Amino acid sequence: MKVISVNVGLSREVIWHGRTVKTSIWKKPVAGRIRVSTLNLDGDAQADLSVHGGIDKAVYVYPSEHYAFWRNELPEVDHGWGAFGENFTSEGLREEEVEIGDRLRIGSAEFIVTQPRMPCFKLGIRFARPDLVKRFLQSKRTGFYLAVQREGEVAAGDPIQRTKRAESGLTILDITNLYVLDSQSQDLLKRATEAPSLPESWKDYFRKRLWNADG
């Protein structure tokens, strides 16, 4: 497992359906070692902190293995690394293998896996395809977010080491399936509400689902 590309980008304003939108979804690969802090990477920005960034979503990872699928789905679009707004393009680390709470070491930094990425309308802006938000979620090729446990430096080519396996047993794909498929698996919903590393917003959502199912 390794990082194929480290990608950053600053905010820009674009016109979308007649209004000005601020976005930082355009990311480009950078060379050399990049400093990773608690909230972000050097040279990177998050335009809307109400839905992006913060402690639980400091770094976004997207598997390089998904690019072949999207190049087939969207052959007219540029698909250079960072195209999906990810900070780290990874190899060997997919949603069905990564668990909520897994601890990872990359370069001199350490991370914890927190949640899948839920796409917003800005993904549609990036590809000039409003339908992509729905297609992205339905594909379950979401990538995932990391919280920074120890600040450090990361570069393309760095190995990704899993230093501790989570006890939750819940993969990124499990959480996405609970959301996308509206699964009523009581066991899975209950486990999601108890996963220590899953953000409270997700756990609150799943608690409501449990209450509705019980009521």
N, C-alpha and C. Protein backbone atom coordinates (compact mmCIF):
# COMPACT_ATOMS: atom_id res chain seq x y z
N MET A 1 0.85 -1.19 0.00
CA MET A 1 0.00 0.00 0.00
C MET A 1 0.89 1.24 0.00
N LYS A 2 0.52 2.23 -0.81
CA LYS A 2 1.33 3.44 -0.86
C LYS A 2 0.53 4.62 -1.39
N VAL A 3 1.12 5.81 -1.24
CA VAL A 3 0.55 7.03 -1.79
C VAL A 3 1.11 7.22 -3.21
N ILE A 4 0.23 7.29 -4.18
CA ILE A 4 0.63 7.50 -5.57
C ILE A 4 0.90 8.97 -5.85
N SER A 5 0.05 9.83 -5.25
CA SER A 5 0.16 11.26 -5.51
C SER A 5 -0.35 12.04 -4.30
N VAL A 6 0.33 13.15 -4.00
CA VAL A 6 -0.15 14.11 -2.99
C VAL A 6 -0.65 15.33 -3.75
N ASN A 7 -1.89 15.74 -3.45
CA ASN A 7 -2.55 16.77 -4.25
C ASN A 7 -3.10 17.90 -3.37
N VAL A 8 -2.88 19.13 -3.79
CA VAL A 8 -3.39 20.28 -3.05
C VAL A 8 -3.98 21.29 -4.03
N GLY A 9 -4.74 22.22 -3.48
CA GLY A 9 -5.31 23.27 -4.31
C GLY A 9 -5.93 24.36 -3.46
N LEU A 10 -5.88 25.58 -3.94
CA LEU A 10 -6.46 26.71 -3.23
C LEU A 10 -7.88 26.99 -3.72
N SER A 11 -8.59 27.81 -3.00
CA SER A 11 -9.97 28.13 -3.37
C SER A 11 -10.01 28.98 -4.64
N ARG A 12 -11.07 28.78 -5.38
CA ARG A 12 -11.33 29.62 -6.55
C ARG A 12 -12.83 29.86 -6.66
N GLU A 13 -13.19 30.88 -7.40
CA GLU A 13 -14.60 31.17 -7.63
C GLU A 13 -14.97 30.77 -9.06
N VAL A 14 -16.09 30.08 -9.18
CA VAL A 14 -16.57 29.66 -10.50
C VAL A 14 -18.05 30.03 -10.62
N ILE A 15 -18.51 30.19 -11.84
CA ILE A 15 -19.92 30.49 -12.09
C ILE A 15 -20.64 29.18 -12.36
N TRP A 16 -21.68 28.91 -11.60
CA TRP A 16 -22.42 27.67 -11.74
C TRP A 16 -23.91 27.99 -11.70
N HIS A 17 -24.59 27.74 -12.82
CA HIS A 17 -26.02 28.03 -12.94
C HIS A 17 -26.34 29.47 -12.56
N GLY A 18 -25.49 30.37 -13.02
CA GLY A 18 -25.74 31.79 -12.87
C GLY A 18 -25.34 32.40 -11.55
N ARG A 19 -24.70 31.62 -10.67
CA ARG A 19 -24.25 32.19 -9.40
C ARG A 19 -22.79 31.85 -9.16
N THR A 20 -22.16 32.66 -8.33
CA THR A 20 -20.75 32.47 -8.02
C THR A 20 -20.60 31.50 -6.86
N VAL A 21 -19.77 30.48 -7.07
CA VAL A 21 -19.55 29.45 -6.05
C VAL A 21 -18.06 29.39 -5.75
N LYS A 22 -17.73 29.37 -4.46
CA LYS A 22 -16.35 29.22 -4.04
C LYS A 22 -16.06 27.75 -3.79
N THR A 23 -14.99 27.23 -4.37
CA THR A 23 -14.67 25.82 -4.24
C THR A 23 -13.17 25.58 -4.24
N SER A 24 -12.77 24.52 -3.56
CA SER A 24 -11.36 24.11 -3.56
C SER A 24 -11.22 22.70 -4.10
N ILE A 25 -12.17 22.24 -4.89
CA ILE A 25 -12.16 20.86 -5.35
C ILE A 25 -11.08 20.60 -6.40
N TRP A 26 -10.58 21.65 -7.04
CA TRP A 26 -9.50 21.45 -8.01
C TRP A 26 -8.17 21.23 -7.27
N LYS A 27 -7.65 20.02 -7.34
CA LYS A 27 -6.37 19.68 -6.70
C LYS A 27 -5.38 19.23 -7.78
N LYS A 28 -4.12 19.54 -7.55
CA LYS A 28 -3.06 19.14 -8.48
C LYS A 28 -1.93 18.45 -7.71
N PRO A 29 -1.27 17.48 -8.35
CA PRO A 29 -0.14 16.81 -7.70
C PRO A 29 0.99 17.78 -7.40
N VAL A 30 1.65 17.57 -6.27
CA VAL A 30 2.80 18.39 -5.90
C VAL A 30 3.99 17.47 -5.60
N ALA A 31 5.18 17.99 -5.86
CA ALA A 31 6.40 17.22 -5.65
C ALA A 31 6.98 17.51 -4.28
N GLY A 32 7.81 16.60 -3.80
CA GLY A 32 8.50 16.81 -2.54
C GLY A 32 7.64 16.45 -1.34
N ARG A 33 8.21 16.68 -0.17
CA ARG A 33 7.51 16.36 1.07
C ARG A 33 6.62 17.53 1.48
N ILE A 34 5.37 17.20 1.82
CA ILE A 34 4.36 18.20 2.14
C ILE A 34 3.98 18.06 3.62
N ARG A 35 3.96 19.18 4.31
CA ARG A 35 3.62 19.19 5.72
C ARG A 35 2.12 18.93 5.91
N VAL A 36 1.81 18.02 6.81
CA VAL A 36 0.42 17.71 7.17
C VAL A 36 0.19 18.20 8.59
N SER A 37 -0.75 19.11 8.76
CA SER A 37 -1.10 19.62 10.09
C SER A 37 -2.43 19.00 10.53
N THR A 38 -2.88 19.37 11.69
CA THR A 38 -4.11 18.79 12.25
C THR A 38 -5.32 19.00 11.36
N LEU A 39 -5.35 20.11 10.63
CA LEU A 39 -6.54 20.45 9.85
C LEU A 39 -6.35 20.42 8.35
N ASN A 40 -5.10 20.28 7.86
CA ASN A 40 -4.93 20.42 6.42
C ASN A 40 -3.50 20.11 6.00
N LEU A 41 -3.27 20.19 4.69
CA LEU A 41 -1.93 20.09 4.12
C LEU A 41 -1.44 21.49 3.75
N ASP A 42 -0.15 21.70 3.81
CA ASP A 42 0.40 22.97 3.33
C ASP A 42 0.04 23.18 1.87
N GLY A 43 -0.42 24.38 1.54
CA GLY A 43 -0.76 24.71 0.16
C GLY A 43 -2.15 24.29 -0.25
N ASP A 44 -2.92 23.76 0.71
CA ASP A 44 -4.27 23.30 0.39
C ASP A 44 -5.29 24.19 1.11
N ALA A 45 -6.51 24.17 0.59
CA ALA A 45 -7.59 24.96 1.20
C ALA A 45 -8.88 24.17 1.13
N GLN A 46 -9.80 24.49 2.03
CA GLN A 46 -11.15 23.92 2.04
C GLN A 46 -12.11 25.10 2.05
N ALA A 47 -12.91 25.21 1.01
CA ALA A 47 -13.69 26.43 0.80
C ALA A 47 -14.88 26.56 1.75
N ASP A 48 -15.57 25.47 2.02
CA ASP A 48 -16.77 25.52 2.85
C ASP A 48 -16.58 24.59 4.03
N LEU A 49 -16.18 25.14 5.16
CA LEU A 49 -15.85 24.32 6.33
C LEU A 49 -17.08 23.72 7.00
N SER A 50 -18.27 24.09 6.55
CA SER A 50 -19.47 23.47 7.11
C SER A 50 -19.65 22.05 6.60
N VAL A 51 -19.06 21.74 5.44
CA VAL A 51 -19.20 20.39 4.88
C VAL A 51 -17.86 19.74 4.55
N HIS A 52 -16.78 20.50 4.55
CA HIS A 52 -15.45 19.96 4.25
C HIS A 52 -14.48 20.38 5.35
N GLY A 53 -13.47 19.58 5.53
CA GLY A 53 -12.44 19.95 6.48
C GLY A 53 -12.85 19.71 7.92
N GLY A 54 -12.06 20.26 8.84
CA GLY A 54 -12.28 20.01 10.25
C GLY A 54 -11.46 18.82 10.72
N ILE A 55 -11.52 18.56 12.01
CA ILE A 55 -10.71 17.50 12.60
C ILE A 55 -10.97 16.16 11.95
N ASP A 56 -12.24 15.82 11.73
CA ASP A 56 -12.59 14.49 11.22
C ASP A 56 -12.43 14.34 9.71
N LYS A 57 -12.24 15.45 9.01
CA LYS A 57 -12.11 15.40 7.54
C LYS A 57 -10.91 16.23 7.09
N ALA A 58 -9.80 16.05 7.78
CA ALA A 58 -8.61 16.85 7.49
C ALA A 58 -7.97 16.46 6.16
N VAL A 59 -8.00 15.17 5.84
CA VAL A 59 -7.33 14.66 4.64
C VAL A 59 -8.28 13.70 3.93
N TYR A 60 -8.39 13.88 2.62
CA TYR A 60 -9.25 13.01 1.81
C TYR A 60 -8.40 12.09 0.95
N VAL A 61 -8.72 10.79 1.02
CA VAL A 61 -7.99 9.76 0.27
C VAL A 61 -8.90 9.15 -0.78
N TYR A 62 -8.37 8.99 -2.00
CA TYR A 62 -9.15 8.33 -3.05
C TYR A 62 -8.29 7.26 -3.72
N PRO A 63 -8.82 6.03 -3.82
CA PRO A 63 -8.05 4.93 -4.41
C PRO A 63 -7.79 5.14 -5.91
N SER A 64 -6.55 4.97 -6.30
CA SER A 64 -6.19 5.10 -7.72
C SER A 64 -6.88 4.05 -8.56
N GLU A 65 -7.25 2.93 -7.95
CA GLU A 65 -7.89 1.84 -8.68
C GLU A 65 -9.22 2.25 -9.30
N HIS A 66 -9.86 3.28 -8.77
CA HIS A 66 -11.16 3.71 -9.28
C HIS A 66 -11.05 4.55 -10.56
N TYR A 67 -9.88 5.04 -10.85
CA TYR A 67 -9.74 5.93 -12.00
C TYR A 67 -10.08 5.23 -13.32
N ALA A 68 -9.76 3.95 -13.44
CA ALA A 68 -10.08 3.22 -14.67
C ALA A 68 -11.59 3.19 -14.90
N PHE A 69 -12.34 3.01 -13.83
CA PHE A 69 -13.81 3.01 -13.93
C PHE A 69 -14.31 4.35 -14.43
N TRP A 70 -13.80 5.43 -13.84
CA TRP A 70 -14.30 6.75 -14.21
C TRP A 70 -13.82 7.18 -15.59
N ARG A 71 -12.65 6.74 -16.00
CA ARG A 71 -12.20 7.06 -17.36
C ARG A 71 -13.09 6.39 -18.39
N ASN A 72 -13.63 5.24 -18.05
CA ASN A 72 -14.56 4.56 -18.94
C ASN A 72 -15.94 5.23 -18.91
N GLU A 73 -16.35 5.66 -17.71
CA GLU A 73 -17.65 6.32 -17.56
C GLU A 73 -17.67 7.72 -18.16
N LEU A 74 -16.55 8.44 -18.02
CA LEU A 74 -16.46 9.83 -18.43
C LEU A 74 -15.22 10.04 -19.31
N PRO A 75 -15.20 9.46 -20.50
CA PRO A 75 -13.98 9.49 -21.33
C PRO A 75 -13.60 10.89 -21.79
N GLU A 76 -14.54 11.82 -21.76
CA GLU A 76 -14.26 13.18 -22.26
C GLU A 76 -13.62 14.07 -21.22
N VAL A 77 -13.46 13.57 -20.01
CA VAL A 77 -13.01 14.40 -18.89
C VAL A 77 -11.54 14.13 -18.56
N ASP A 78 -10.85 15.18 -18.12
CA ASP A 78 -9.47 15.03 -17.64
C ASP A 78 -9.48 14.28 -16.31
N HIS A 79 -8.69 13.21 -16.22
CA HIS A 79 -8.66 12.39 -15.02
C HIS A 79 -7.26 12.28 -14.44
N GLY A 80 -6.55 13.40 -14.36
CA GLY A 80 -5.26 13.37 -13.69
C GLY A 80 -5.45 13.16 -12.20
N TRP A 81 -4.39 12.69 -11.53
CA TRP A 81 -4.49 12.47 -10.09
C TRP A 81 -4.98 13.75 -9.39
N GLY A 82 -5.83 13.58 -8.42
CA GLY A 82 -6.43 14.71 -7.73
C GLY A 82 -7.75 15.16 -8.32
N ALA A 83 -8.20 14.49 -9.38
CA ALA A 83 -9.40 14.92 -10.09
C ALA A 83 -10.65 14.91 -9.21
N PHE A 84 -10.67 14.05 -8.20
CA PHE A 84 -11.86 13.95 -7.34
C PHE A 84 -11.72 14.78 -6.07
N GLY A 85 -10.71 15.64 -6.07
CA GLY A 85 -10.53 16.52 -4.93
C GLY A 85 -9.77 15.89 -3.79
N GLU A 86 -9.16 14.72 -4.06
CA GLU A 86 -8.45 14.03 -2.99
C GLU A 86 -7.08 14.63 -2.72
N ASN A 87 -6.68 14.57 -1.45
CA ASN A 87 -5.33 14.98 -1.07
C ASN A 87 -4.31 13.88 -1.33
N PHE A 88 -4.69 12.63 -1.03
CA PHE A 88 -3.83 11.48 -1.29
C PHE A 88 -4.52 10.56 -2.28
N THR A 89 -3.86 10.28 -3.39
CA THR A 89 -4.31 9.22 -4.28
C THR A 89 -3.56 7.97 -3.85
N SER A 90 -4.30 6.93 -3.48
CA SER A 90 -3.68 5.76 -2.85
C SER A 90 -3.65 4.55 -3.79
N GLU A 91 -2.84 3.57 -3.40
CA GLU A 91 -2.80 2.28 -4.09
C GLU A 91 -2.88 1.18 -3.04
N GLY A 92 -3.78 0.23 -3.26
CA GLY A 92 -3.87 -0.92 -2.36
C GLY A 92 -4.70 -0.70 -1.13
N LEU A 93 -5.58 0.29 -1.14
CA LEU A 93 -6.37 0.60 0.05
C LEU A 93 -7.77 1.00 -0.39
N ARG A 94 -8.65 0.01 -0.48
CA ARG A 94 -9.99 0.26 -1.01
C ARG A 94 -11.05 0.23 0.09
N GLU A 95 -12.23 0.72 -0.24
CA GLU A 95 -13.29 0.94 0.75
C GLU A 95 -13.73 -0.34 1.47
N GLU A 96 -13.70 -1.46 0.76
CA GLU A 96 -14.12 -2.71 1.39
C GLU A 96 -13.05 -3.30 2.32
N GLU A 97 -11.86 -2.70 2.31
CA GLU A 97 -10.75 -3.19 3.13
C GLU A 97 -10.41 -2.26 4.29
N VAL A 98 -10.85 -1.02 4.19
CA VAL A 98 -10.50 -0.02 5.20
C VAL A 98 -11.62 0.07 6.23
N GLU A 99 -11.26 0.01 7.51
CA GLU A 99 -12.27 0.05 8.57
C GLU A 99 -12.25 1.39 9.31
N ILE A 100 -13.44 1.78 9.76
CA ILE A 100 -13.56 2.98 10.58
C ILE A 100 -12.72 2.79 11.84
N GLY A 101 -11.76 3.69 12.05
CA GLY A 101 -10.90 3.58 13.23
C GLY A 101 -9.54 2.97 12.94
N ASP A 102 -9.32 2.48 11.72
CA ASP A 102 -7.98 2.00 11.37
C ASP A 102 -6.97 3.12 11.56
N ARG A 103 -5.80 2.77 12.07
CA ARG A 103 -4.73 3.76 12.23
C ARG A 103 -3.66 3.51 11.17
N LEU A 104 -3.27 4.59 10.51
CA LEU A 104 -2.34 4.51 9.40
C LEU A 104 -1.14 5.41 9.65
N ARG A 105 0.03 4.95 9.20
CA ARG A 105 1.23 5.80 9.22
C ARG A 105 1.67 6.01 7.78
N ILE A 106 1.81 7.27 7.41
CA ILE A 106 2.27 7.63 6.07
C ILE A 106 3.35 8.68 6.24
N GLY A 107 4.54 8.41 5.73
CA GLY A 107 5.65 9.32 5.98
C GLY A 107 5.89 9.41 7.47
N SER A 108 6.02 10.64 7.97
CA SER A 108 6.20 10.84 9.42
C SER A 108 4.90 11.20 10.12
N ALA A 109 3.77 11.15 9.40
CA ALA A 109 2.47 11.50 9.98
C ALA A 109 1.66 10.25 10.29
N GLU A 110 0.72 10.40 11.22
CA GLU A 110 -0.15 9.29 11.59
C GLU A 110 -1.61 9.74 11.51
N PHE A 111 -2.46 8.82 11.09
CA PHE A 111 -3.85 9.16 10.79
C PHE A 111 -4.79 8.11 11.36
N ILE A 112 -6.08 8.48 11.43
CA ILE A 112 -7.13 7.54 11.77
C ILE A 112 -8.26 7.69 10.76
N VAL A 113 -8.78 6.57 10.28
CA VAL A 113 -9.87 6.57 9.29
C VAL A 113 -11.17 6.91 9.99
N THR A 114 -11.92 7.88 9.45
CA THR A 114 -13.12 8.36 10.14
C THR A 114 -14.44 8.11 9.41
N GLN A 115 -14.47 8.23 8.08
CA GLN A 115 -15.76 8.17 7.39
C GLN A 115 -15.58 8.16 5.87
N PRO A 116 -16.62 7.71 5.14
CA PRO A 116 -16.61 7.83 3.69
C PRO A 116 -16.86 9.27 3.27
N ARG A 117 -16.52 9.59 2.04
CA ARG A 117 -16.81 10.92 1.51
C ARG A 117 -18.22 10.92 0.92
N MET A 118 -19.03 11.85 1.35
CA MET A 118 -20.34 12.06 0.76
C MET A 118 -20.23 13.24 -0.21
N PRO A 119 -20.49 13.02 -1.49
CA PRO A 119 -20.26 14.09 -2.47
C PRO A 119 -21.29 15.20 -2.37
N CYS A 120 -20.84 16.43 -2.65
CA CYS A 120 -21.76 17.56 -2.73
C CYS A 120 -21.80 18.04 -4.18
N PHE A 121 -22.59 19.08 -4.42
CA PHE A 121 -22.80 19.55 -5.79
C PHE A 121 -21.51 20.04 -6.46
N LYS A 122 -20.48 20.32 -5.66
CA LYS A 122 -19.24 20.82 -6.25
C LYS A 122 -18.50 19.76 -7.05
N LEU A 123 -18.77 18.49 -6.76
CA LEU A 123 -18.21 17.43 -7.60
C LEU A 123 -18.80 17.53 -9.00
N GLY A 124 -20.08 17.87 -9.08
CA GLY A 124 -20.71 18.09 -10.38
C GLY A 124 -20.12 19.28 -11.10
N ILE A 125 -19.76 20.33 -10.34
CA ILE A 125 -19.10 21.49 -10.93
C ILE A 125 -17.75 21.09 -11.51
N ARG A 126 -16.99 20.33 -10.75
CA ARG A 126 -15.63 19.94 -11.17
C ARG A 126 -15.64 19.24 -12.52
N PHE A 127 -16.64 18.39 -12.76
CA PHE A 127 -16.70 17.63 -14.00
C PHE A 127 -17.74 18.17 -14.98
N ALA A 128 -18.37 19.29 -14.60
CA ALA A 128 -19.43 19.88 -15.44
C ALA A 128 -20.51 18.85 -15.73
N ARG A 129 -20.81 18.03 -14.72
CA ARG A 129 -21.82 16.98 -14.83
C ARG A 129 -22.66 16.95 -13.56
N PRO A 130 -23.79 17.63 -13.54
CA PRO A 130 -24.63 17.65 -12.33
C PRO A 130 -25.05 16.26 -11.88
N ASP A 131 -25.15 15.31 -12.82
CA ASP A 131 -25.59 13.96 -12.46
C ASP A 131 -24.50 13.15 -11.77
N LEU A 132 -23.27 13.69 -11.73
CA LEU A 132 -22.16 12.91 -11.20
C LEU A 132 -22.28 12.69 -9.70
N VAL A 133 -22.91 13.60 -8.99
CA VAL A 133 -23.04 13.44 -7.54
C VAL A 133 -23.78 12.14 -7.23
N LYS A 134 -24.90 11.92 -7.91
CA LYS A 134 -25.68 10.71 -7.70
C LYS A 134 -24.91 9.48 -8.18
N ARG A 135 -24.27 9.59 -9.32
CA ARG A 135 -23.52 8.45 -9.88
C ARG A 135 -22.34 8.07 -8.99
N PHE A 136 -21.69 9.08 -8.45
CA PHE A 136 -20.54 8.84 -7.57
C PHE A 136 -20.97 8.06 -6.33
N LEU A 137 -22.06 8.48 -5.72
CA LEU A 137 -22.53 7.82 -4.51
C LEU A 137 -23.02 6.40 -4.82
N GLN A 138 -23.74 6.25 -5.91
CA GLN A 138 -24.25 4.93 -6.27
C GLN A 138 -23.14 3.96 -6.63
N SER A 139 -22.02 4.48 -7.13
CA SER A 139 -20.89 3.62 -7.48
C SER A 139 -20.22 3.04 -6.24
N LYS A 140 -20.42 3.70 -5.10
CA LYS A 140 -19.80 3.34 -3.82
C LYS A 140 -18.28 3.48 -3.86
N ARG A 141 -17.79 4.15 -4.87
CA ARG A 141 -16.36 4.47 -4.96
C ARG A 141 -16.15 5.84 -4.33
N THR A 142 -16.29 5.89 -3.02
CA THR A 142 -16.37 7.17 -2.32
C THR A 142 -15.03 7.71 -1.84
N GLY A 143 -14.04 6.83 -1.65
CA GLY A 143 -12.85 7.25 -0.93
C GLY A 143 -13.21 7.45 0.54
N PHE A 144 -12.28 8.02 1.30
CA PHE A 144 -12.54 8.16 2.74
C PHE A 144 -11.69 9.27 3.33
N TYR A 145 -12.14 9.74 4.49
CA TYR A 145 -11.45 10.82 5.19
C TYR A 145 -10.58 10.29 6.33
N LEU A 146 -9.55 11.07 6.62
CA LEU A 146 -8.64 10.78 7.73
C LEU A 146 -8.60 11.96 8.69
N ALA A 147 -8.52 11.64 9.97
CA ALA A 147 -8.15 12.63 10.98
C ALA A 147 -6.65 12.48 11.22
N VAL A 148 -5.99 13.57 11.52
CA VAL A 148 -4.54 13.56 11.75
C VAL A 148 -4.27 13.30 13.23
N GLN A 149 -3.61 12.20 13.52
CA GLN A 149 -3.26 11.87 14.90
C GLN A 149 -1.89 12.42 15.30
N ARG A 150 -0.99 12.47 14.33
CA ARG A 150 0.32 13.09 14.56
C ARG A 150 0.73 13.83 13.31
N GLU A 151 1.04 15.10 13.46
CA GLU A 151 1.46 15.90 12.32
C GLU A 151 2.82 15.41 11.80
N GLY A 152 3.07 15.65 10.52
CA GLY A 152 4.33 15.22 9.93
C GLY A 152 4.40 15.62 8.47
N GLU A 153 5.19 14.89 7.71
CA GLU A 153 5.36 15.18 6.28
C GLU A 153 5.09 13.91 5.46
N VAL A 154 4.49 14.14 4.30
CA VAL A 154 4.12 13.04 3.41
C VAL A 154 4.55 13.39 2.00
N ALA A 155 4.95 12.37 1.23
CA ALA A 155 5.32 12.57 -0.17
C ALA A 155 4.79 11.43 -1.01
N ALA A 156 4.61 11.69 -2.29
CA ALA A 156 4.24 10.63 -3.22
C ALA A 156 5.28 9.51 -3.15
N GLY A 157 4.80 8.28 -3.15
CA GLY A 157 5.69 7.13 -3.05
C GLY A 157 5.82 6.58 -1.64
N ASP A 158 5.39 7.35 -0.65
CA ASP A 158 5.47 6.87 0.74
C ASP A 158 4.58 5.64 0.92
N PRO A 159 5.08 4.62 1.62
CA PRO A 159 4.22 3.48 1.94
C PRO A 159 3.14 3.87 2.94
N ILE A 160 2.02 3.18 2.86
CA ILE A 160 0.93 3.34 3.83
C ILE A 160 0.97 2.11 4.74
N GLN A 161 1.23 2.34 6.00
CA GLN A 161 1.31 1.24 6.96
C GLN A 161 0.09 1.29 7.88
N ARG A 162 -0.59 0.16 8.00
CA ARG A 162 -1.68 0.08 8.95
C ARG A 162 -1.09 -0.35 10.29
N THR A 163 -1.06 0.58 11.23
CA THR A 163 -0.40 0.31 12.51
C THR A 163 -1.34 -0.32 13.53
N LYS A 164 -2.65 -0.15 13.31
CA LYS A 164 -3.62 -0.75 14.22
C LYS A 164 -4.93 -0.97 13.49
N ARG A 165 -5.45 -2.19 13.62
CA ARG A 165 -6.74 -2.51 13.01
C ARG A 165 -7.84 -2.07 13.95
N ALA A 166 -8.89 -1.50 13.41
CA ALA A 166 -10.01 -1.03 14.23
C ALA A 166 -10.74 -2.20 14.87
N GLU A 167 -11.38 -1.92 16.00
CA GLU A 167 -12.16 -2.95 16.68
C GLU A 167 -13.62 -2.95 16.22
N SER A 168 -14.02 -1.92 15.48
CA SER A 168 -15.42 -1.80 15.09
C SER A 168 -15.82 -2.88 14.08
N GLY A 169 -14.89 -3.29 13.23
CA GLY A 169 -15.22 -4.24 12.19
C GLY A 169 -16.07 -3.66 11.08
N LEU A 170 -16.26 -2.33 11.10
CA LEU A 170 -17.08 -1.66 10.09
C LEU A 170 -16.19 -1.04 9.03
N THR A 171 -16.38 -1.44 7.80
CA THR A 171 -15.59 -0.88 6.72
C THR A 171 -16.22 0.41 6.20
N ILE A 172 -15.45 1.14 5.44
CA ILE A 172 -15.99 2.32 4.75
C ILE A 172 -17.18 1.91 3.89
N LEU A 173 -17.07 0.78 3.21
CA LEU A 173 -18.16 0.31 2.36
C LEU A 173 -19.40 -0.02 3.18
N ASP A 174 -19.23 -0.56 4.38
CA ASP A 174 -20.38 -0.84 5.24
C ASP A 174 -21.17 0.44 5.52
N ILE A 175 -20.46 1.51 5.86
CA ILE A 175 -21.12 2.77 6.18
C ILE A 175 -21.82 3.33 4.95
N THR A 176 -21.16 3.25 3.80
CA THR A 176 -21.77 3.72 2.56
C THR A 176 -23.01 2.91 2.22
N ASN A 177 -22.94 1.58 2.41
CA ASN A 177 -24.10 0.74 2.13
C ASN A 177 -25.27 1.09 3.05
N LEU A 178 -24.97 1.35 4.31
CA LEU A 178 -26.04 1.74 5.24
C LEU A 178 -26.73 3.00 4.76
N TYR A 179 -25.97 3.90 4.17
CA TYR A 179 -26.52 5.17 3.70
C TYR A 179 -27.20 5.02 2.34
N VAL A 180 -26.50 4.45 1.38
CA VAL A 180 -27.00 4.38 -0.01
C VAL A 180 -28.17 3.41 -0.13
N LEU A 181 -28.06 2.25 0.51
CA LEU A 181 -29.08 1.22 0.36
C LEU A 181 -30.18 1.34 1.40
N ASP A 182 -30.02 2.29 2.32
CA ASP A 182 -31.00 2.46 3.39
C ASP A 182 -31.22 1.13 4.11
N SER A 183 -30.13 0.42 4.33
CA SER A 183 -30.18 -0.90 4.96
C SER A 183 -30.85 -0.82 6.33
N GLN A 184 -31.68 -1.79 6.61
CA GLN A 184 -32.34 -1.86 7.91
C GLN A 184 -31.71 -2.91 8.81
N SER A 185 -30.48 -3.29 8.53
CA SER A 185 -29.78 -4.25 9.38
C SER A 185 -29.60 -3.64 10.77
N GLN A 186 -30.36 -4.14 11.72
CA GLN A 186 -30.30 -3.60 13.07
C GLN A 186 -28.92 -3.77 13.68
N ASP A 187 -28.31 -4.91 13.43
CA ASP A 187 -26.98 -5.16 13.99
C ASP A 187 -25.97 -4.17 13.45
N LEU A 188 -26.00 -3.95 12.13
CA LEU A 188 -25.04 -3.04 11.52
C LEU A 188 -25.28 -1.60 11.98
N LEU A 189 -26.54 -1.21 12.07
CA LEU A 189 -26.88 0.14 12.53
C LEU A 189 -26.40 0.35 13.97
N LYS A 190 -26.62 -0.64 14.81
CA LYS A 190 -26.22 -0.52 16.21
C LYS A 190 -24.70 -0.42 16.33
N ARG A 191 -23.99 -1.24 15.56
CA ARG A 191 -22.54 -1.18 15.59
C ARG A 191 -22.03 0.18 15.11
N ALA A 192 -22.71 0.75 14.12
CA ALA A 192 -22.31 2.07 13.61
C ALA A 192 -22.47 3.14 14.70
N THR A 193 -23.54 3.04 15.49
CA THR A 193 -23.76 4.04 16.54
C THR A 193 -22.74 3.93 17.65
N GLU A 194 -22.05 2.80 17.72
CA GLU A 194 -21.09 2.57 18.80
C GLU A 194 -19.63 2.66 18.35
N ALA A 195 -19.41 2.92 17.07
CA ALA A 195 -18.03 2.98 16.54
C ALA A 195 -17.34 4.24 17.06
N PRO A 196 -16.31 4.11 17.88
CA PRO A 196 -15.70 5.28 18.52
C PRO A 196 -15.18 6.33 17.55
N SER A 197 -14.66 5.91 16.42
CA SER A 197 -14.01 6.87 15.51
C SER A 197 -14.96 7.46 14.47
N LEU A 198 -16.18 6.95 14.41
CA LEU A 198 -17.16 7.51 13.48
C LEU A 198 -17.68 8.83 14.06
N PRO A 199 -17.66 9.92 13.30
CA PRO A 199 -18.11 11.22 13.83
C PRO A 199 -19.53 11.19 14.36
N GLU A 200 -19.81 12.06 15.33
CA GLU A 200 -21.11 12.09 15.98
C GLU A 200 -22.25 12.35 15.01
N SER A 201 -22.00 13.14 13.97
CA SER A 201 -23.08 13.43 13.02
C SER A 201 -23.58 12.15 12.36
N TRP A 202 -22.64 11.26 12.02
CA TRP A 202 -23.01 9.96 11.45
C TRP A 202 -23.74 9.10 12.48
N LYS A 203 -23.23 9.07 13.70
CA LYS A 203 -23.84 8.23 14.73
C LYS A 203 -25.25 8.72 15.07
N ASP A 204 -25.44 10.03 15.09
CA ASP A 204 -26.78 10.58 15.33
C ASP A 204 -27.75 10.14 14.23
N TYR A 205 -27.27 10.18 13.00
CA TYR A 205 -28.10 9.76 11.86
C TYR A 205 -28.51 8.31 12.00
N PHE A 206 -27.58 7.45 12.38
CA PHE A 206 -27.89 6.03 12.52
C PHE A 206 -28.74 5.76 13.75
N ARG A 207 -28.58 6.54 14.82
CA ARG A 207 -29.45 6.39 15.99
C ARG A 207 -30.91 6.67 15.62
N LYS A 208 -31.12 7.70 14.82
CA LYS A 208 -32.48 8.02 14.39
C LYS A 208 -33.07 6.89 13.56
N ARG A 209 -32.24 6.30 12.75
CA ARG A 209 -32.70 5.16 11.95
C ARG A 209 -33.11 3.99 12.85
N LEU A 210 -32.33 3.76 13.90
CA LEU A 210 -32.65 2.70 14.84
C LEU A 210 -33.97 2.99 15.56
N TRP A 211 -34.12 4.24 16.02
CA TRP A 211 -35.36 4.62 16.73
C TRP A 211 -36.58 4.45 15.81
N ASN A 212 -36.42 4.87 14.56
CA ASN A 212 -37.54 4.76 13.62
C ASN A 212 -37.91 3.30 13.38
N ALA A 213 -36.88 2.46 13.30
CA ALA A 213 -37.13 1.03 13.08
C ALA A 213 -37.80 0.40 14.28
N ASP A 214 -37.44 0.86 15.48
CA ASP A 214 -38.01 0.30 16.71
C ASP A 214 -39.40 0.83 16.97
N GLY A 215 -39.64 2.08 16.47
CA GLY A 215 -40.91 2.71 16.80
C GLY A 215 -42.02 2.45 15.82
